Amino acid sequence: MTDDPLEEAFARGDRRSLEQAALRLLAGREHSRAELLRKLSPRTGEPALLEQVLDALERQGALSDARFVESYIDSRRRRGFGPRRIRRELGEKGVDRTLVGQLLDETGPDWDRALAEAARRKYGDRPPGDFRERARRARFLEYRGFAPERIRALLWGDD
């Protein structure tokens, strides 16, 4: 046994303790259902009870994958990441692909403007000098998750 009453409650599969732990995680930032399952599953011996707790939190509006995805998109976009990278990361987090696609299209910013801003932040207003410099910038922007055709349009002026 442990001296931590919360750990003991988890070991017993106490519903109230699971709810409190989930709410503490959600108070810090939005989480997807899959993230909460991953974080809380090792701490309980009853997966069905954890599912019930998460179902209740969804009904109460405390847990929402849609809200998590919107928040994640906004956060990553502000850090200079493009839609392809964001989509991949959300997939790795276990979020439904349909929901991600829908919200990337609906809540997604003007991705061309986001691409230009990411390039400006990294390289300033100085235009690329030669082919090697353009290729270097293109690799960086593609790694950040922007579409190659949009990168080409930005760096080479294609339409």
C-alpha atoms as a PDB file:
ATOM      1  CA  MET A   1       0.000   0.000   0.000  1.00  0.00           C
ATOM      2  CA  THR A   2       0.969   3.606  -0.496  1.00  0.00           C
ATOM      3  CA  ASP A   3       0.667   6.646   1.757  1.00  0.00           C
ATOM      4  CA  ASP A   4      -1.131   8.608  -0.964  1.00  0.00           C
ATOM      5  CA  PRO A   5      -4.918   8.297  -0.505  1.00  0.00           C
ATOM      6  CA  LEU A   6      -5.528   9.280  -4.128  1.00  0.00           C
ATOM      7  CA  GLU A   7      -3.297   6.441  -5.343  1.00  0.00           C
ATOM      8  CA  GLU A   8      -5.137   4.016  -3.076  1.00  0.00           C
ATOM      9  CA  ALA A   9      -8.475   5.247  -4.399  1.00  0.00           C
ATOM     10  CA  PHE A  10      -7.227   4.724  -7.953  1.00  0.00           C
ATOM     11  CA  ALA A  11      -6.152   1.215  -7.059  1.00  0.00           C
ATOM     12  CA  ARG A  12      -9.679   0.530  -5.797  1.00  0.00           C
ATOM     13  CA  GLY A  13     -11.112   2.104  -8.951  1.00  0.00           C
ATOM     14  CA  ASP A  14     -12.934   4.829  -7.025  1.00  0.00           C
ATOM     15  CA  ARG A  15     -15.172   6.758  -9.436  1.00  0.00           C
ATOM     16  CA  ARG A  16     -14.889  10.037  -7.540  1.00  0.00           C
ATOM     17  CA  SER A  17     -11.079   9.890  -7.581  1.00  0.00           C
ATOM     18  CA  LEU A  18     -11.067   9.228 -11.314  1.00  0.00           C
ATOM     19  CA  GLU A  19     -13.396  12.185 -11.894  1.00  0.00           C
ATOM     20  CA  GLN A  20     -11.228  14.458  -9.764  1.00  0.00           C
ATOM     21  CA  ALA A  21      -8.060  13.399 -11.556  1.00  0.00           C
ATOM     22  CA  ALA A  22      -9.668  13.914 -14.967  1.00  0.00           C
ATOM     23  CA  LEU A  23     -10.974  17.342 -13.949  1.00  0.00           C
ATOM     24  CA  ARG A  24      -7.535  18.347 -12.649  1.00  0.00           C
ATOM     25  CA  LEU A  25      -6.016  17.433 -16.005  1.00  0.00           C
ATOM     26  CA  LEU A  26      -8.758  19.319 -17.856  1.00  0.00           C
ATOM     27  CA  ALA A  27      -8.284  22.378 -15.637  1.00  0.00           C
ATOM     28  CA  GLY A  28      -4.716  22.713 -16.907  1.00  0.00           C
ATOM     29  CA  ARG A  29      -5.609  22.506 -20.610  1.00  0.00           C
ATOM     30  CA  GLU A  30      -8.025  20.810 -22.964  1.00  0.00           C
ATOM     31  CA  HIS A  31      -7.443  17.074 -23.429  1.00  0.00           C
ATOM     32  CA  SER A  32      -8.889  14.610 -25.892  1.00  0.00           C
ATOM     33  CA  ARG A  33     -10.754  11.570 -24.637  1.00  0.00           C
ATOM     34  CA  ALA A  34      -7.918   9.371 -25.918  1.00  0.00           C
ATOM     35  CA  GLU A  35      -5.338  11.386 -23.943  1.00  0.00           C
ATOM     36  CA  LEU A  36      -7.323  11.048 -20.726  1.00  0.00           C
ATOM     37  CA  LEU A  37      -7.735   7.322 -21.313  1.00  0.00           C
ATOM     38  CA  ARG A  38      -3.989   6.968 -21.830  1.00  0.00           C
ATOM     39  CA  LYS A  39      -3.097   9.049 -18.774  1.00  0.00           C
ATOM     40  CA  LEU A  40      -5.636   7.580 -16.359  1.00  0.00           C
ATOM     41  CA  SER A  41      -5.786   3.921 -17.454  1.00  0.00           C
ATOM     42  CA  PRO A  42      -2.574   2.864 -15.684  1.00  0.00           C
ATOM     43  CA  ARG A  43      -3.965   4.246 -12.434  1.00  0.00           C
ATOM     44  CA  THR A  44      -7.133   2.172 -12.310  1.00  0.00           C
ATOM     45  CA  GLY A  45      -7.875  -1.498 -12.497  1.00  0.00           C
ATOM     46  CA  GLU A  46     -11.324  -0.977 -13.993  1.00  0.00           C
ATOM     47  CA  PRO A  47     -11.303   0.320 -17.582  1.00  0.00           C
ATOM     48  CA  ALA A  48     -15.119   0.204 -17.734  1.00  0.00           C
ATOM     49  CA  LEU A  49     -15.338   2.592 -14.790  1.00  0.00           C
ATOM     50  CA  LEU A  50     -12.954   5.009 -16.493  1.00  0.00           C
ATOM     51  CA  GLU A  51     -15.094   4.883 -19.653  1.00  0.00           C
ATOM     52  CA  GLN A  52     -18.178   5.711 -17.558  1.00  0.00           C
ATOM     53  CA  VAL A  53     -16.403   8.656 -15.939  1.00  0.00           C
ATOM     54  CA  LEU A  54     -15.308  10.023 -19.330  1.00  0.00           C
ATOM     55  CA  ASP A  55     -18.827   9.541 -20.737  1.00  0.00           C
ATOM     56  CA  ALA A  56     -20.220  11.553 -17.812  1.00  0.00           C
ATOM     57  CA  LEU A  57     -17.653  14.322 -18.333  1.00  0.00           C
ATOM     58  CA  GLU A  58     -18.623  14.515 -22.017  1.00  0.00           C
ATOM     59  CA  ARG A  59     -22.325  14.779 -21.121  1.00  0.00           C
ATOM     60  CA  GLN A  60     -21.516  17.557 -18.632  1.00  0.00           C
ATOM     61  CA  GLY A  61     -19.499  19.405 -21.271  1.00  0.00           C
ATOM     62  CA  ALA A  62     -16.233  19.217 -19.332  1.00  0.00           C
ATOM     63  CA  LEU A  63     -14.641  16.954 -21.956  1.00  0.00           C
ATOM     64  CA  SER A  64     -14.932  17.708 -25.660  1.00  0.00           C
ATOM     65  CA  ASP A  65     -12.746  16.373 -28.448  1.00  0.00           C
ATOM     66  CA  ALA A  66     -13.991  19.181 -30.723  1.00  0.00           C
ATOM     67  CA  ARG A  67     -12.921  21.835 -28.225  1.00  0.00           C
ATOM     68  CA  PHE A  68      -9.560  20.093 -27.799  1.00  0.00           C
ATOM     69  CA  VAL A  69      -8.987  20.008 -31.575  1.00  0.00           C
ATOM     70  CA  GLU A  70      -9.899  23.706 -31.982  1.00  0.00           C
ATOM     71  CA  SER A  71      -7.555  24.661 -29.154  1.00  0.00           C
ATOM     72  CA  TYR A  72      -4.756  22.470 -30.515  1.00  0.00           C
ATOM     73  CA  ILE A  73      -5.093  23.855 -34.051  1.00  0.00           C
ATOM     74  CA  ASP A  74      -4.968  27.422 -32.773  1.00  0.00           C
ATOM     75  CA  SER A  75      -1.969  26.749 -30.541  1.00  0.00           C
ATOM     76  CA  ARG A  76       0.072  24.958 -33.198  1.00  0.00           C
ATOM     77  CA  ARG A  77      -0.824  27.487 -35.913  1.00  0.00           C
ATOM     78  CA  ARG A  78       0.387  30.330 -33.686  1.00  0.00           C
ATOM     79  CA  ARG A  79       3.683  28.447 -33.318  1.00  0.00           C
ATOM     80  CA  GLY A  80       4.128  28.324 -37.083  1.00  0.00           C
ATOM     81  CA  PHE A  81       2.906  24.830 -37.937  1.00  0.00           C
ATOM     82  CA  GLY A  82       0.863  23.980 -41.014  1.00  0.00           C
ATOM     83  CA  PRO A  83      -2.234  21.837 -41.507  1.00  0.00           C
ATOM     84  CA  ARG A  84      -0.434  18.645 -42.551  1.00  0.00           C
ATOM     85  CA  ARG A  85       1.717  18.554 -39.432  1.00  0.00           C
ATOM     86  CA  ILE A  86      -1.232  19.427 -37.188  1.00  0.00           C
ATOM     87  CA  ARG A  87      -3.366  16.687 -38.777  1.00  0.00           C
ATOM     88  CA  ARG A  88      -0.597  14.109 -38.222  1.00  0.00           C
ATOM     89  CA  GLU A  89      -0.034  15.135 -34.600  1.00  0.00           C
ATOM     90  CA  LEU A  90      -3.746  14.962 -33.807  1.00  0.00           C
ATOM     91  CA  GLY A  91      -3.906  11.523 -35.412  1.00  0.00           C
ATOM     92  CA  GLU A  92      -1.046  10.411 -33.173  1.00  0.00           C
ATOM     93  CA  LYS A  93      -3.047  11.676 -30.203  1.00  0.00           C
ATOM     94  CA  GLY A  94      -5.911   9.365 -31.150  1.00  0.00           C
ATOM     95  CA  VAL A  95      -8.379  12.014 -32.275  1.00  0.00           C
ATOM     96  CA  ASP A  96     -11.001  11.030 -34.866  1.00  0.00           C
ATOM     97  CA  ARG A  97      -9.716  11.822 -38.387  1.00  0.00           C
ATOM     98  CA  THR A  98     -13.122  13.026 -39.586  1.00  0.00           C
ATOM     99  CA  LEU A  99     -13.368  15.529 -36.742  1.00  0.00           C
ATOM    100  CA  VAL A 100      -9.817  16.748 -37.388  1.00  0.00           C
ATOM    101  CA  GLY A 101     -10.461  17.198 -41.111  1.00  0.00           C
ATOM    102  CA  GLN A 102     -13.708  19.031 -40.508  1.00  0.00           C
ATOM    103  CA  LEU A 103     -12.251  21.397 -37.916  1.00  0.00           C
ATOM    104  CA  LEU A 104      -9.041  22.037 -39.851  1.00  0.00           C
ATOM    105  CA  ASP A 105     -11.205  23.219 -42.746  1.00  0.00           C
ATOM    106  CA  GLU A 106     -13.706  25.168 -40.616  1.00  0.00           C
ATOM    107  CA  THR A 107     -11.502  26.743 -37.961  1.00  0.00           C
ATOM    108  CA  GLY A 108      -8.288  26.717 -39.928  1.00  0.00           C
ATOM    109  CA  PRO A 109      -6.824  30.117 -40.612  1.00  0.00           C
ATOM    110  CA  ASP A 110      -5.832  31.393 -43.986  1.00  0.00           C
ATOM    111  CA  TRP A 111      -3.044  28.832 -44.401  1.00  0.00           C
ATOM    112  CA  ASP A 112      -1.269  30.920 -47.060  1.00  0.00           C
ATOM    113  CA  ARG A 113      -0.988  33.772 -44.581  1.00  0.00           C
ATOM    114  CA  ALA A 114       0.207  31.339 -41.877  1.00  0.00           C
ATOM    115  CA  LEU A 115       2.822  29.975 -44.304  1.00  0.00           C
ATOM    116  CA  ALA A 116       4.104  33.457 -45.128  1.00  0.00           C
ATOM    117  CA  GLU A 117       4.259  34.335 -41.423  1.00  0.00           C
ATOM    118  CA  ALA A 118       6.195  31.146 -40.578  1.00  0.00           C
ATOM    119  CA  ALA A 119       8.700  31.934 -43.343  1.00  0.00           C
ATOM    120  CA  ARG A 120       9.026  35.559 -42.217  1.00  0.00           C
ATOM    121  CA  ARG A 121       9.613  34.535 -38.588  1.00  0.00           C
ATOM    122  CA  LYS A 122      12.357  32.111 -39.548  1.00  0.00           C
ATOM    123  CA  TYR A 123      14.061  34.063 -42.344  1.00  0.00           C
ATOM    124  CA  GLY A 124      12.967  37.668 -41.910  1.00  0.00           C
ATOM    125  CA  ASP A 125      11.989  39.802 -44.891  1.00  0.00           C
ATOM    126  CA  ARG A 126      15.130  38.889 -46.847  1.00  0.00           C
ATOM    127  CA  PRO A 127      14.188  37.076 -50.083  1.00  0.00           C
ATOM    128  CA  PRO A 128      15.929  33.772 -50.823  1.00  0.00           C
ATOM    129  CA  GLY A 129      19.093  34.363 -52.809  1.00  0.00           C
ATOM    130  CA  ASP A 130      19.645  31.264 -54.886  1.00  0.00           C
ATOM    131  CA  PHE A 131      18.160  27.855 -55.599  1.00  0.00           C
ATOM    132  CA  ARG A 132      19.904  26.212 -52.626  1.00  0.00           C
ATOM    133  CA  GLU A 133      18.484  28.800 -50.241  1.00  0.00           C
ATOM    134  CA  ARG A 134      14.972  28.348 -51.680  1.00  0.00           C
ATOM    135  CA  ALA A 135      15.311  24.563 -51.350  1.00  0.00           C
ATOM    136  CA  ARG A 136      16.492  24.923 -47.750  1.00  0.00           C
ATOM    137  CA  ARG A 137      13.507  27.128 -46.924  1.00  0.00           C
ATOM    138  CA  ALA A 138      11.135  24.776 -48.729  1.00  0.00           C
ATOM    139  CA  ARG A 139      12.386  21.797 -46.681  1.00  0.00           C
ATOM    140  CA  PHE A 140      11.913  23.722 -43.452  1.00  0.00           C
ATOM    141  CA  LEU A 141       8.379  24.818 -44.348  1.00  0.00           C
ATOM    142  CA  GLU A 142       7.406  21.339 -45.527  1.00  0.00           C
ATOM    143  CA  TYR A 143       8.691  19.914 -42.241  1.00  0.00           C
ATOM    144  CA  ARG A 144       6.475  22.452 -40.469  1.00  0.00           C
ATOM    145  CA  GLY A 145       3.464  20.962 -42.250  1.00  0.00           C
ATOM    146  CA  PHE A 146       2.710  23.234 -45.168  1.00  0.00           C
ATOM    147  CA  ALA A 147       1.732  21.920 -48.607  1.00  0.00           C
ATOM    148  CA  PRO A 148       4.560  21.773 -51.175  1.00  0.00           C
ATOM    149  CA  GLU A 149       2.486  23.535 -53.845  1.00  0.00           C
ATOM    150  CA  ARG A 150       1.792  26.481 -51.489  1.00  0.00           C
ATOM    151  CA  ILE A 151       5.469  26.627 -50.503  1.00  0.00           C
ATOM    152  CA  ARG A 152       6.465  26.669 -54.168  1.00  0.00           C
ATOM    153  CA  ALA A 153       4.007  29.506 -54.809  1.00  0.00           C
ATOM    154  CA  LEU A 154       5.494  31.499 -51.937  1.00  0.00           C
ATOM    155  CA  LEU A 155       9.167  30.912 -52.725  1.00  0.00           C
ATOM    156  CA  TRP A 156       9.136  30.758 -56.521  1.00  0.00           C
ATOM    157  CA  GLY A 157       6.125  32.965 -57.182  1.00  0.00           C
ATOM    158  CA  ASP A 158       4.161  30.223 -59.006  1.00  0.00           C
ATOM    159  CA  ASP A 159       0.379  30.358 -59.044  1.00  0.00           C
END
